[in-house]
Amino acid sequence: MFVPRTIRSSSDWLDADGAKIYTIAKHDGPVAQAPFHERLAQVKASRSLPWPQTAHFAIFHEGTSPYLVLCWWGNDNELFTSVSVLTQEGWAERPDLYSFCLYDMEVMWEERNAYIDTVDCADPSLQSYRLRRRRDRLDAA
């Protein structure tokens, strides 16, 4: 049964390449981000993309298992995704077993709108894209 989850972000939550970071948790507390950052770096290193020049975001999702969803914009208006799940054997990226879920899609919708307003527009700005967050999502810490 669907139960809303806590979605948080901050304009300061960027990785070294400018990925916007979101957390989703089924609990009310903060998400421990360190294990996700390590996996995020591994996933990005496995792809030859110019990350600092690419509009992208990551979701650190603490649900029934930890999920890392990395999304990036390419081909003008396409959203590419990578999903990693922390299993008993370690992080696994298995598109035949794991995908993003309906909670992640809420962030994706927000990011779609941010991308249209800041990048896929007459005056594109990657900096504006990276700064854009919904106010009600901002981390209070």
Protein backbone atom coordinates (compact mmCIF):
# COMPACT_ATOMS: atom_id res chain seq x y z
CA MET A 1 0.00 0.00 0.00
CA PHE A 2 1.28 3.46 -0.89
CA VAL A 3 2.45 5.52 2.06
CA PRO A 4 4.17 8.86 1.36
CA ARG A 5 7.90 8.95 2.01
CA THR A 6 10.10 11.79 3.15
CA ILE A 7 11.90 13.45 0.22
CA ARG A 8 14.71 15.89 1.04
CA SER A 9 17.35 17.85 -0.83
CA SER A 10 19.51 20.94 -0.44
CA SER A 11 21.13 23.38 -2.84
CA ASP A 12 24.39 22.33 -1.14
CA TRP A 13 23.85 18.64 -1.90
CA LEU A 14 25.97 18.26 -5.03
CA ASP A 15 28.71 15.76 -5.77
CA ALA A 16 32.08 16.81 -7.25
CA ASP A 17 30.61 16.73 -10.79
CA GLY A 18 27.49 18.73 -9.93
CA ALA A 19 24.96 15.92 -9.48
CA LYS A 20 21.93 17.14 -7.55
CA ILE A 21 21.30 14.84 -4.58
CA TYR A 22 17.91 13.85 -3.20
CA THR A 23 17.13 11.48 -0.36
CA ILE A 24 13.98 9.44 0.06
CA ALA A 25 13.27 7.57 3.28
CA LYS A 26 10.40 5.56 4.66
CA HIS A 27 11.41 6.90 8.10
CA ASP A 28 11.43 10.52 9.30
CA GLY A 29 15.16 10.74 10.01
CA PRO A 30 18.02 11.75 7.73
CA VAL A 31 19.50 9.31 5.22
CA ALA A 32 23.14 8.33 5.80
CA GLN A 33 24.63 9.50 2.52
CA ALA A 34 28.24 8.22 2.66
CA PRO A 35 27.58 4.68 1.30
CA PHE A 36 25.54 6.15 -1.55
CA HIS A 37 28.25 8.65 -2.51
CA GLU A 38 30.80 5.85 -2.80
CA ARG A 39 28.51 3.86 -5.10
CA LEU A 40 27.58 6.97 -7.09
CA ALA A 41 31.26 7.56 -7.88
CA GLN A 42 31.62 3.94 -9.05
CA VAL A 43 28.58 4.08 -11.31
CA LYS A 44 29.66 7.37 -12.87
CA ALA A 45 33.22 6.09 -13.41
CA SER A 46 31.79 3.13 -15.37
CA ARG A 47 30.34 5.49 -17.99
CA SER A 48 32.31 7.76 -20.25
CA LEU A 49 30.19 10.89 -19.94
CA PRO A 50 31.32 14.48 -19.38
CA TRP A 51 29.64 14.61 -15.96
CA PRO A 52 30.62 18.20 -15.07
CA GLN A 53 28.86 19.41 -18.25
CA THR A 54 25.86 17.06 -17.92
CA ALA A 55 22.61 17.86 -16.14
CA HIS A 56 22.13 14.96 -13.74
CA PHE A 57 20.77 14.00 -10.34
CA ALA A 58 20.89 11.11 -7.91
CA ILE A 59 18.36 9.71 -5.48
CA PHE A 60 19.60 8.01 -2.32
CA HIS A 61 16.56 5.93 -1.39
CA GLU A 62 16.31 4.09 1.93
CA GLY A 63 13.34 1.81 1.42
CA THR A 64 13.13 -1.92 1.93
CA SER A 65 16.74 -1.91 0.68
CA PRO A 66 19.06 0.99 -0.14
CA TYR A 67 18.59 2.06 -3.78
CA LEU A 68 20.77 4.49 -5.70
CA VAL A 69 19.06 6.00 -8.73
CA LEU A 70 21.31 8.02 -11.03
CA CYS A 71 19.60 9.97 -13.80
CA TRP A 72 21.12 12.13 -16.53
CA TRP A 73 19.80 14.13 -19.44
CA GLY A 74 21.07 13.40 -22.95
CA ASN A 75 20.06 13.61 -26.61
CA ASP A 76 18.44 16.98 -25.90
CA ASN A 77 15.46 15.70 -23.91
CA GLU A 78 15.93 12.08 -22.87
CA LEU A 79 16.33 10.92 -19.27
CA PHE A 80 18.75 8.03 -18.83
CA THR A 81 18.78 6.01 -15.63
CA SER A 82 20.95 3.63 -13.65
CA VAL A 83 19.63 1.83 -10.58
CA SER A 84 21.85 0.12 -8.02
CA VAL A 85 20.57 -1.85 -5.04
CA LEU A 86 22.56 -2.83 -1.97
CA THR A 87 22.12 -6.59 -1.61
CA GLN A 88 23.74 -9.05 0.80
CA GLU A 89 26.46 -9.53 -1.82
CA GLY A 90 27.07 -5.78 -2.26
CA TRP A 91 25.81 -3.17 -4.71
CA ALA A 92 24.15 -4.61 -7.82
CA GLU A 93 23.11 -2.87 -11.01
CA ARG A 94 20.69 -5.35 -12.58
CA PRO A 95 18.08 -3.79 -14.90
CA ASP A 96 16.41 -7.18 -15.22
CA LEU A 97 15.77 -7.22 -11.43
CA TYR A 98 15.79 -3.63 -10.18
CA SER A 99 14.36 -0.33 -11.33
CA PHE A 100 13.26 2.97 -9.89
CA CYS A 101 9.92 3.02 -8.10
CA LEU A 102 6.93 5.32 -7.86
CA TYR A 103 8.54 7.33 -5.05
CA ASP A 104 11.53 8.08 -7.29
CA MET A 105 9.19 9.18 -10.07
CA GLU A 106 8.04 12.09 -7.94
CA VAL A 107 11.60 13.46 -7.98
CA MET A 108 11.88 12.68 -11.69
CA TRP A 109 8.79 14.80 -12.40
CA GLU A 110 10.28 17.71 -10.47
CA GLU A 111 13.55 17.28 -12.36
CA ARG A 112 11.71 17.18 -15.68
CA ASN A 113 10.20 20.57 -14.88
CA ALA A 114 13.53 21.96 -13.66
CA TYR A 115 15.25 20.77 -16.84
CA ILE A 116 12.64 22.38 -19.10
CA ASP A 117 12.76 25.67 -17.21
CA THR A 118 16.56 25.96 -16.92
CA VAL A 119 18.23 23.92 -19.69
CA ASP A 120 15.77 23.06 -22.47
CA CYS A 121 14.85 26.71 -22.91
CA ALA A 122 15.87 29.86 -24.78
CA ASP A 123 18.57 30.77 -22.23
CA PRO A 124 20.02 27.47 -20.91
CA SER A 125 21.87 27.50 -17.59
CA LEU A 126 23.37 24.39 -16.04
CA GLN A 127 24.12 26.46 -12.92
CA SER A 128 20.43 27.39 -12.57
CA TYR A 129 19.47 23.74 -13.05
CA ARG A 130 21.82 22.65 -10.26
CA LEU A 131 20.43 25.21 -7.84
CA ARG A 132 16.76 24.51 -8.45
CA ARG A 133 14.90 22.65 -5.69
CA ARG A 134 11.36 22.74 -4.38
CA ARG A 135 11.31 24.77 -1.16
CA ASP A 136 9.32 22.17 0.72
CA ARG A 137 12.05 19.59 -0.03
CA LEU A 138 14.91 21.60 1.46
CA ASP A 139 16.80 19.98 4.29
CA ALA A 140 16.36 21.84 7.56
CA ALA A 141 19.85 20.91 8.83
